[in-house]
Amino acid sequence: MHAIFELMNKIFYLLFLCFSCVGMQAQIHEIGLFLGGSNYIGDIGQTTYIAPHEAAFGLIYKWNKSPRHSYRLSYIQSGVTGDDADSKEKSRNLRGYRFKSEVKEFSLAMEFNFFDFNLHDSETKVTPYVASGINYFFANYNLYDSKTNTTFEGRTEKRKSVAIPMIIGVKSNITSQFVLALETGARYTLTDNVDGSFNRNFGNINNNDWYVFTGVTLTYTFGQKPCYCTQ
């Protein structure tokens, strides 16, 4: 997991450097919905990277600055869960923890298109994209110990409720006004307490928690249609 994180960091760093070489003219805006699911990677339950099983929904806004990049703001919320009974690890099965955490996330990111996505052109276009930035989230957890029939409640530390999103997706302008995208994004958090494991002192204290949102976005375009050609 650490190697993946380091590789993604290098990729996004190179992409951000590339943005300085992209010409910027007029802009067009997008606003819409995110609908999908969530999963968690941490000290409880399964360790599958992409396995959405809890509903996630939110709002997204994009400010397209060129055919290759845009700034995006989003708010997404979901119940993030884990159950040791679902794990393939026998030690987790025997331990018997399960939890649910209500996650509410605010995100500021930059999105890079692999191909030109010029919304001034009415032709249908398709492009893969990546995005990264910084998130701040609120997570209130409810942790249940089946061995003692005990429930613990709490929340992640405010100063550590920060995550780095690593998003990949593909999108297309399905009409002259609407853009449809399919994306998945892993969030590397700065805390090991999304599930309450840090406060209860169990699991691997050297690995922070991850959560993943996978779904579709449907956005409506408005504002000045961009023309990115050189005047």
Protein backbone atom coordinates (compact mmCIF):
# COMPACT_ATOMS: atom_id res chain seq x y z
CA MET A 1 0.00 0.00 0.00
CA HIS A 2 2.85 2.38 0.80
CA ALA A 3 4.44 1.72 -2.60
CA ILE A 4 1.14 2.51 -4.35
CA PHE A 5 0.82 5.74 -2.40
CA GLU A 6 4.37 6.81 -3.34
CA LEU A 7 3.78 6.01 -7.03
CA MET A 8 0.50 7.95 -7.12
CA ASN A 9 2.21 10.90 -5.42
CA LYS A 10 4.87 10.99 -8.16
CA ILE A 11 2.28 10.75 -10.94
CA PHE A 12 0.14 13.58 -9.55
CA TYR A 13 3.22 15.74 -8.94
CA LEU A 14 4.21 15.41 -12.61
CA LEU A 15 0.65 16.18 -13.71
CA PHE A 16 0.54 19.36 -11.63
CA LEU A 17 3.80 20.49 -13.25
CA CYS A 18 2.25 19.95 -16.66
CA PHE A 19 -0.63 22.30 -15.83
CA SER A 20 1.69 25.30 -15.90
CA CYS A 21 2.23 24.66 -19.62
CA VAL A 22 -1.49 24.67 -20.51
CA GLY A 23 -2.98 27.86 -22.00
CA MET A 24 -6.09 29.22 -20.32
CA GLN A 25 -8.81 31.33 -21.94
CA ALA A 26 -12.54 31.51 -21.17
CA GLN A 27 -14.13 29.03 -18.79
CA ILE A 28 -17.21 26.88 -18.49
CA HIS A 29 -18.69 25.58 -15.25
CA GLU A 30 -20.25 22.25 -14.29
CA ILE A 31 -22.48 21.45 -11.35
CA GLY A 32 -24.15 18.17 -10.54
CA LEU A 33 -24.53 15.04 -8.46
CA PHE A 34 -22.37 12.14 -7.35
CA LEU A 35 -24.11 8.80 -6.75
CA GLY A 36 -22.37 5.57 -5.86
CA GLY A 37 -21.02 3.51 -3.01
CA SER A 38 -18.24 3.38 -0.45
CA ASN A 39 -15.88 0.91 1.13
CA TYR A 40 -13.20 1.07 3.80
CA ILE A 41 -9.67 -0.37 4.09
CA GLY A 42 -8.28 -0.60 7.60
CA ASP A 43 -8.08 -2.70 10.74
CA ILE A 44 -11.58 -4.23 10.64
CA GLY A 45 -13.21 -6.50 8.07
CA GLN A 46 -12.25 -6.93 4.43
CA THR A 47 -9.13 -5.52 2.80
CA THR A 48 -10.47 -5.37 -0.78
CA TYR A 49 -9.46 -2.08 -2.41
CA ILE A 50 -12.64 -1.45 -4.41
CA ALA A 51 -15.79 -3.09 -3.04
CA PRO A 52 -18.58 -0.51 -2.65
CA HIS A 53 -21.42 -1.74 -0.45
CA GLU A 54 -22.71 1.36 1.34
CA ALA A 55 -24.60 4.11 -0.52
CA ALA A 56 -22.74 7.38 -1.12
CA PHE A 57 -24.07 10.63 -2.55
CA GLY A 58 -23.01 14.22 -2.88
CA LEU A 59 -22.61 17.40 -4.92
CA ILE A 60 -19.81 18.36 -7.28
CA TYR A 61 -18.75 21.59 -8.99
CA LYS A 62 -16.06 21.96 -11.68
CA TRP A 63 -14.44 25.04 -13.11
CA ASN A 64 -12.93 24.09 -16.47
CA LYS A 65 -9.84 26.20 -17.10
CA SER A 66 -8.66 24.46 -20.30
CA PRO A 67 -9.43 21.36 -22.39
CA ARG A 68 -6.99 19.48 -20.20
CA HIS A 69 -7.68 20.54 -16.63
CA SER A 70 -10.26 21.87 -14.19
CA TYR A 71 -10.65 22.70 -10.51
CA ARG A 72 -13.29 20.74 -8.62
CA LEU A 73 -15.12 21.18 -5.33
CA SER A 74 -17.24 18.40 -3.89
CA TYR A 75 -19.19 17.27 -0.87
CA ILE A 76 -19.87 13.54 -0.41
CA GLN A 77 -21.29 11.63 2.52
CA SER A 78 -21.68 7.92 3.21
CA GLY A 79 -21.81 5.31 5.91
CA VAL A 80 -18.43 3.52 5.94
CA THR A 81 -18.54 0.03 7.49
CA GLY A 82 -16.37 -2.95 8.33
CA ASP A 83 -17.10 -6.38 9.88
CA ASP A 84 -14.51 -8.93 10.97
CA ALA A 85 -16.96 -11.70 10.06
CA ASP A 86 -16.47 -10.77 6.38
CA SER A 87 -12.68 -10.96 6.50
CA LYS A 88 -10.59 -13.76 4.97
CA GLU A 89 -8.17 -13.46 7.90
CA LYS A 90 -8.93 -15.95 10.67
CA SER A 91 -7.51 -13.66 13.34
CA ARG A 92 -10.10 -11.03 12.45
CA ASN A 93 -12.89 -13.61 12.36
CA LEU A 94 -12.00 -14.69 15.89
CA ARG A 95 -11.71 -11.13 17.16
CA GLY A 96 -15.26 -10.19 16.12
CA TYR A 97 -15.31 -6.40 15.77
CA ARG A 98 -17.62 -4.45 13.51
CA PHE A 99 -18.16 -0.74 13.05
CA LYS A 100 -19.99 1.93 11.13
CA SER A 101 -18.71 5.45 10.64
CA GLU A 102 -20.70 8.33 9.17
CA VAL A 103 -18.26 10.14 6.88
CA LYS A 104 -18.95 13.64 5.52
CA GLU A 105 -16.25 14.89 3.19
CA PHE A 106 -15.36 18.26 1.66
CA SER A 107 -12.84 18.14 -1.17
CA LEU A 108 -10.78 20.60 -3.21
CA ALA A 109 -8.91 19.03 -6.12
CA MET A 110 -7.47 19.52 -9.58
CA GLU A 111 -8.59 17.25 -12.42
CA PHE A 112 -6.43 16.40 -15.45
CA ASN A 113 -7.84 15.02 -18.73
CA PHE A 114 -5.67 12.66 -20.75
CA PHE A 115 -7.28 13.91 -23.99
CA ASP A 116 -8.63 17.34 -24.92
CA PHE A 117 -12.13 17.79 -23.49
CA ASN A 118 -13.20 21.02 -25.18
CA LEU A 119 -16.81 21.69 -24.25
CA HIS A 120 -16.98 24.45 -26.89
CA ASP A 121 -17.02 21.63 -29.45
CA SER A 122 -20.45 19.98 -29.74
CA GLU A 123 -19.03 16.65 -30.89
CA THR A 124 -19.14 13.75 -28.45
CA LYS A 125 -15.84 13.35 -26.62
CA VAL A 126 -14.55 10.70 -24.22
CA THR A 127 -11.48 10.98 -22.01
CA PRO A 128 -9.93 9.26 -19.00
CA TYR A 129 -8.93 11.58 -16.18
CA VAL A 130 -7.18 11.69 -12.82
CA ALA A 131 -7.65 14.08 -9.91
CA SER A 132 -6.03 14.81 -6.57
CA GLY A 133 -5.99 17.53 -3.95
CA ILE A 134 -6.94 17.68 -0.28
CA ASN A 135 -10.02 16.66 1.70
CA TYR A 136 -11.36 17.47 5.14
CA PHE A 137 -13.83 15.02 6.59
CA PHE A 138 -15.96 14.38 9.67
CA ALA A 139 -16.22 10.77 10.84
CA ASN A 140 -18.32 9.63 13.80
CA TYR A 141 -17.80 5.92 14.50
CA ASN A 142 -19.82 3.28 16.31
CA LEU A 143 -17.64 0.27 17.21
CA TYR A 144 -19.14 -3.01 18.42
CA ASP A 145 -17.25 -5.81 20.21
CA SER A 146 -19.20 -9.06 19.77
CA LYS A 147 -17.12 -10.85 22.44
CA THR A 148 -18.13 -8.49 25.24
CA ASN A 149 -21.34 -7.20 23.65
CA THR A 150 -20.00 -3.67 24.12
CA THR A 151 -20.41 -0.61 21.93
CA PHE A 152 -17.98 2.31 21.77
CA GLU A 153 -18.66 5.66 20.15
CA GLY A 154 -16.39 8.52 19.16
CA ARG A 155 -15.02 10.53 16.25
CA THR A 156 -11.73 11.02 14.47
CA GLU A 157 -9.44 13.69 15.81
CA LYS A 158 -10.18 17.08 14.23
CA ARG A 159 -6.53 17.84 13.58
CA LYS A 160 -6.10 14.51 11.75
CA SER A 161 -9.35 14.55 9.77
CA VAL A 162 -7.50 15.21 6.53
CA ALA A 163 -7.27 12.90 3.52
CA ILE A 164 -5.48 12.85 0.17
CA PRO A 165 -7.79 11.77 -2.68
CA MET A 166 -6.44 9.69 -5.59
CA ILE A 167 -9.17 9.62 -8.23
CA ILE A 168 -9.31 7.97 -11.65
CA GLY A 169 -12.25 8.03 -14.03
CA VAL A 170 -13.62 8.35 -17.54
CA LYS A 171 -16.14 10.93 -18.78
CA SER A 172 -18.13 11.94 -21.85
CA ASN A 173 -20.38 14.83 -22.89
CA ILE A 174 -23.59 12.86 -23.49
CA THR A 175 -25.46 15.99 -24.69
CA SER A 176 -24.53 19.61 -25.32
CA GLN A 177 -25.36 20.42 -21.68
CA PHE A 178 -24.61 17.27 -19.68
CA VAL A 179 -21.41 15.38 -18.84
CA LEU A 180 -21.50 11.83 -17.47
CA ALA A 181 -18.51 10.32 -15.65
CA LEU A 182 -17.61 7.08 -13.91
CA GLU A 183 -14.91 7.34 -11.26
CA THR A 184 -13.35 5.67 -8.26
CA GLY A 185 -11.27 7.48 -5.69
CA ALA A 186 -9.25 6.18 -2.76
CA ARG A 187 -8.80 8.54 0.18
CA TYR A 188 -5.62 8.11 2.22
CA THR A 189 -6.39 9.58 5.64
CA LEU A 190 -3.96 10.98 8.17
CA THR A 191 -5.60 9.01 10.97
CA ASP A 192 -5.89 5.38 12.11
CA ASN A 193 -9.15 6.12 13.87
CA VAL A 194 -11.90 6.14 11.23
CA ASP A 195 -12.97 2.80 12.76
CA GLY A 196 -12.10 3.57 16.39
CA SER A 197 -9.12 1.19 16.42
CA PHE A 198 -6.64 3.81 17.61
CA ASN A 199 -8.71 4.73 20.67
CA ARG A 200 -9.33 1.03 21.47
CA ASN A 201 -5.65 0.16 20.83
CA PHE A 202 -5.92 -2.71 18.34
CA GLY A 203 -4.79 -3.38 14.77
CA ASN A 204 -1.69 -2.06 13.03
CA ILE A 205 -0.91 1.36 14.47
CA ASN A 206 1.60 2.03 11.66
CA ASN A 207 -1.03 1.95 8.89
CA ASN A 208 -3.58 4.72 8.54
CA ASP A 209 -7.13 4.08 7.33
CA TRP A 210 -8.39 4.44 3.77
CA TYR A 211 -11.89 4.86 2.40
CA VAL A 212 -13.02 4.67 -1.22
CA PHE A 213 -15.89 6.30 -3.12
CA THR A 214 -16.92 4.71 -6.44
CA GLY A 215 -19.77 5.98 -8.56
CA VAL A 216 -21.05 8.22 -11.32
CA THR A 217 -21.30 11.98 -11.65
CA LEU A 218 -23.82 13.78 -13.82
CA THR A 219 -23.07 17.47 -14.28
CA TYR A 220 -24.85 20.31 -16.05
CA THR A 221 -22.67 22.78 -17.94
CA PHE A 222 -23.26 26.54 -17.86
CA GLY A 223 -21.47 29.85 -18.21
CA GLN A 224 -19.35 31.19 -21.05
CA LYS A 225 -18.53 28.53 -23.60
CA PRO A 226 -14.73 28.33 -23.78
CA CYS A 227 -12.64 28.81 -26.87
CA TYR A 228 -9.14 27.64 -26.06
CA CYS A 229 -7.58 28.65 -29.37
CA THR A 230 -4.87 31.33 -29.45
CA GLN A 231 -6.28 34.77 -30.25
